[in-house]
């Protein structure tokens, strides 16, 4: 599952079109960094 620490690396991989957020989606403090990482790609 993706988190704020690995979101940029995972989403930046060739042929990766998304990610499974899982438990990080339950709190804004954990979810916002994932969205921010995705927005930079």
PDB file of N, CA and C in Angstrom:
ATOM      1  N   UNK A   1       0.851  -1.192   0.000  1.00  0.00           N
ATOM      2  CA  UNK A   1       0.000   0.000   0.000  1.00  0.00           C
ATOM      3  C   UNK A   1       0.887   1.242   0.000  1.00  0.00           C
ATOM      4  N   UNK A   2       0.388   2.246  -0.620  1.00  0.00           N
ATOM      5  CA  UNK A   2       1.149   3.490  -0.761  1.00  0.00           C
ATOM      6  C   UNK A   2       0.999   4.342   0.498  1.00  0.00           C
ATOM      7  N   UNK A   3       2.041   5.117   0.793  1.00  0.00           N
ATOM      8  CA  UNK A   3       1.991   6.064   1.907  1.00  0.00           C
ATOM      9  C   UNK A   3       2.759   7.321   1.498  1.00  0.00           C
ATOM     10  N   UNK A   4       2.812   8.288   2.372  1.00  0.00           N
ATOM     11  CA  UNK A   4       3.479   9.542   2.049  1.00  0.00           C
ATOM     12  C   UNK A   4       4.960   9.386   1.766  1.00  0.00           C
ATOM     13  N   UNK A   5       5.578   8.360   2.330  1.00  0.00           N
ATOM     14  CA  UNK A   5       7.010   8.142   2.133  1.00  0.00           C
ATOM     15  C   UNK A   5       7.348   7.509   0.793  1.00  0.00           C
ATOM     16  N   UNK A   6       6.456   6.691   0.248  1.00  0.00           N
ATOM     17  CA  UNK A   6       6.790   5.981  -0.985  1.00  0.00           C
ATOM     18  C   UNK A   6       5.924   6.367  -2.185  1.00  0.00           C
ATOM     19  N   UNK A   7       5.009   7.307  -2.013  1.00  0.00           N
ATOM     20  CA  UNK A   7       4.071   7.649  -3.083  1.00  0.00           C
ATOM     21  C   UNK A   7       4.769   8.151  -4.339  1.00  0.00           C
ATOM     22  N   UNK A   8       5.725   9.042  -4.201  1.00  0.00           N
ATOM     23  CA  UNK A   8       6.410   9.590  -5.373  1.00  0.00           C
ATOM     24  C   UNK A   8       7.143   8.497  -6.136  1.00  0.00           C
ATOM     25  N   UNK A   9       7.848   7.641  -5.424  1.00  0.00           N
ATOM     26  CA  UNK A   9       8.598   6.568  -6.073  1.00  0.00           C
ATOM     27  C   UNK A   9       7.674   5.582  -6.772  1.00  0.00           C
ATOM     28  N   UNK A  10       6.609   5.178  -6.105  1.00  0.00           N
ATOM     29  CA  UNK A  10       5.697   4.199  -6.703  1.00  0.00           C
ATOM     30  C   UNK A  10       4.937   4.773  -7.898  1.00  0.00           C
ATOM     31  N   UNK A  11       4.392   5.967  -7.728  1.00  0.00           N
ATOM     32  CA  UNK A  11       3.596   6.552  -8.802  1.00  0.00           C
ATOM     33  C   UNK A  11       4.453   7.002  -9.978  1.00  0.00           C
ATOM     34  N   UNK A  12       5.743   7.182  -9.750  1.00  0.00           N
ATOM     35  CA  UNK A  12       6.646   7.575 -10.817  1.00  0.00           C
ATOM     36  C   UNK A  12       7.170   6.417 -11.643  1.00  0.00           C
ATOM     37  N   UNK A  13       6.854   5.196 -11.265  1.00  0.00           N
ATOM     38  CA  UNK A  13       7.307   4.017 -12.008  1.00  0.00           C
ATOM     39  C   UNK A  13       6.575   3.908 -13.338  1.00  0.00           C
ATOM     40  N   UNK A  14       7.309   3.467 -14.337  1.00  0.00           N
ATOM     41  CA  UNK A  14       6.704   3.242 -15.652  1.00  0.00           C
ATOM     42  C   UNK A  14       5.599   2.199 -15.522  1.00  0.00           C
ATOM     43  N   UNK A  15       4.528   2.394 -16.240  1.00  0.00           N
ATOM     44  CA  UNK A  15       3.394   1.468 -16.291  1.00  0.00           C
ATOM     45  C   UNK A  15       2.593   1.375 -14.992  1.00  0.00           C
ATOM     46  N   UNK A  16       2.827   2.262 -14.038  1.00  0.00           N
ATOM     47  CA  UNK A  16       2.007   2.320 -12.822  1.00  0.00           C
ATOM     48  C   UNK A  16       1.002   3.443 -13.017  1.00  0.00           C
ATOM     49  N   UNK A  17      -0.269   3.089 -13.003  1.00  0.00           N
ATOM     50  CA  UNK A  17      -1.332   4.059 -13.272  1.00  0.00           C
ATOM     51  C   UNK A  17      -2.125   4.452 -12.032  1.00  0.00           C
ATOM     52  N   UNK A  18      -1.767   3.925 -10.881  1.00  0.00           N
ATOM     53  CA  UNK A  18      -2.506   4.247  -9.666  1.00  0.00           C
ATOM     54  C   UNK A  18      -1.870   3.559  -8.482  1.00  0.00           C
ATOM     55  N   UNK A  19      -2.532   3.659  -7.335  1.00  0.00           N
ATOM     56  CA  UNK A  19      -1.991   3.067  -6.120  1.00  0.00           C
ATOM     57  C   UNK A  19      -3.132   2.694  -5.180  1.00  0.00           C
ATOM     58  N   UNK A  20      -2.867   1.725  -4.329  1.00  0.00           N
ATOM     59  CA  UNK A  20      -3.820   1.333  -3.291  1.00  0.00           C
ATOM     60  C   UNK A  20      -3.460   2.099  -2.026  1.00  0.00           C
ATOM     61  N   UNK A  21      -4.324   3.016  -1.627  1.00  0.00           N
ATOM     62  CA  UNK A  21      -4.016   3.869  -0.483  1.00  0.00           C
ATOM     63  C   UNK A  21      -4.255   3.143   0.833  1.00  0.00           C
ATOM     64  N   UNK A  22      -5.315   2.434   0.981  1.00  0.00           N
ATOM     65  CA  UNK A  22      -5.579   1.664   2.196  1.00  0.00           C
ATOM     66  C   UNK A  22      -5.801   2.533   3.420  1.00  0.00           C
ATOM     67  N   UNK A  23      -5.197   2.153   4.535  1.00  0.00           N
ATOM     68  CA  UNK A  23      -5.415   2.817   5.811  1.00  0.00           C
ATOM     69  C   UNK A  23      -5.013   4.277   5.842  1.00  0.00           C
ATOM     70  N   UNK A  24      -4.112   4.691   4.969  1.00  0.00           N
ATOM     71  CA  UNK A  24      -3.692   6.096   4.935  1.00  0.00           C
ATOM     72  C   UNK A  24      -4.824   7.022   4.518  1.00  0.00           C
ATOM     73  N   UNK A  25      -5.869   6.472   3.942  1.00  0.00           N
ATOM     74  CA  UNK A  25      -6.995   7.312   3.522  1.00  0.00           C
ATOM     75  C   UNK A  25      -7.917   7.674   4.683  1.00  0.00           C
ATOM     76  N   UNK A  26      -7.678   7.104   5.843  1.00  0.00           N
ATOM     77  CA  UNK A  26      -8.564   7.331   6.981  1.00  0.00           C
ATOM     78  C   UNK A  26      -8.287   8.627   7.735  1.00  0.00           C
ATOM     79  N   UNK A  27      -7.069   9.160   7.598  1.00  0.00           N
ATOM     80  CA  UNK A  27      -6.740  10.420   8.265  1.00  0.00           C
ATOM     81  C   UNK A  27      -6.110  11.385   7.275  1.00  0.00           C
ATOM     82  N   UNK A  28      -6.498  12.636   7.369  1.00  0.00           N
ATOM     83  CA  UNK A  28      -5.994  13.655   6.441  1.00  0.00           C
ATOM     84  C   UNK A  28      -4.482  13.809   6.547  1.00  0.00           C
ATOM     85  N   UNK A  29      -3.931  13.701   7.749  1.00  0.00           N
ATOM     86  CA  UNK A  29      -2.489  13.864   7.934  1.00  0.00           C
ATOM     87  C   UNK A  29      -1.678  12.843   7.147  1.00  0.00           C
ATOM     88  N   UNK A  30      -2.250  11.682   6.911  1.00  0.00           N
ATOM     89  CA  UNK A  30      -1.564  10.648   6.143  1.00  0.00           C
ATOM     90  C   UNK A  30      -1.958  10.669   4.671  1.00  0.00           C
ATOM     91  N   UNK A  31      -3.162  11.134   4.368  1.00  0.00           N
ATOM     92  CA  UNK A  31      -3.670  11.103   2.997  1.00  0.00           C
ATOM     93  C   UNK A  31      -3.165  12.277   2.157  1.00  0.00           C
ATOM     94  N   UNK A  32      -3.097  13.459   2.738  1.00  0.00           N
ATOM     95  CA  UNK A  32      -2.705  14.659   1.993  1.00  0.00           C
ATOM     96  C   UNK A  32      -1.314  14.528   1.357  1.00  0.00           C
ATOM     97  N   UNK A  33      -0.295  13.993   2.031  1.00  0.00           N
ATOM     98  CA  UNK A  33       1.005  13.851   1.372  1.00  0.00           C
ATOM     99  C   UNK A  33       0.973  12.944   0.132  1.00  0.00           C
ATOM    100  N   UNK A  34       0.097  11.963   0.131  1.00  0.00           N
ATOM    101  CA  UNK A  34      -0.035  11.084  -1.036  1.00  0.00           C
ATOM    102  C   UNK A  34      -0.620  11.862  -2.207  1.00  0.00           C
ATOM    103  N   UNK A  35      -1.659  12.637  -1.936  1.00  0.00           N
ATOM    104  CA  UNK A  35      -2.278  13.454  -2.979  1.00  0.00           C
ATOM    105  C   UNK A  35      -1.287  14.492  -3.492  1.00  0.00           C
ATOM    106  N   UNK A  36      -0.536  15.100  -2.596  1.00  0.00           N
ATOM    107  CA  UNK A  36       0.461  16.095  -2.996  1.00  0.00           C
ATOM    108  C   UNK A  36       1.529  15.470  -3.885  1.00  0.00           C
ATOM    109  N   UNK A  37       1.957  14.262  -3.561  1.00  0.00           N
ATOM    110  CA  UNK A  37       2.954  13.570  -4.383  1.00  0.00           C
ATOM    111  C   UNK A  37       2.397  13.271  -5.765  1.00  0.00           C
ATOM    112  N   UNK A  38       1.156  12.825  -5.828  1.00  0.00           N
ATOM    113  CA  UNK A  38       0.534  12.519  -7.121  1.00  0.00           C
ATOM    114  C   UNK A  38       0.370  13.780  -7.963  1.00  0.00           C
ATOM    115  N   UNK A  39       0.111  14.894  -7.332  1.00  0.00           N
ATOM    116  CA  UNK A  39      -0.098  16.150  -8.058  1.00  0.00           C
ATOM    117  C   UNK A  39       1.178  16.660  -8.712  1.00  0.00           C
ATOM    118  N   UNK A  40       2.330  16.212  -8.239  1.00  0.00           N
ATOM    119  CA  UNK A  40       3.595  16.677  -8.811  1.00  0.00           C
ATOM    120  C   UNK A  40       4.011  15.881 -10.039  1.00  0.00           C
ATOM    121  N   UNK A  41       3.327  14.803 -10.327  1.00  0.00           N
ATOM    122  CA  UNK A  41       3.723  13.942 -11.456  1.00  0.00           C
ATOM    123  C   UNK A  41       3.012  14.319 -12.727  1.00  0.00           C
TER     124      UNK A  41
END
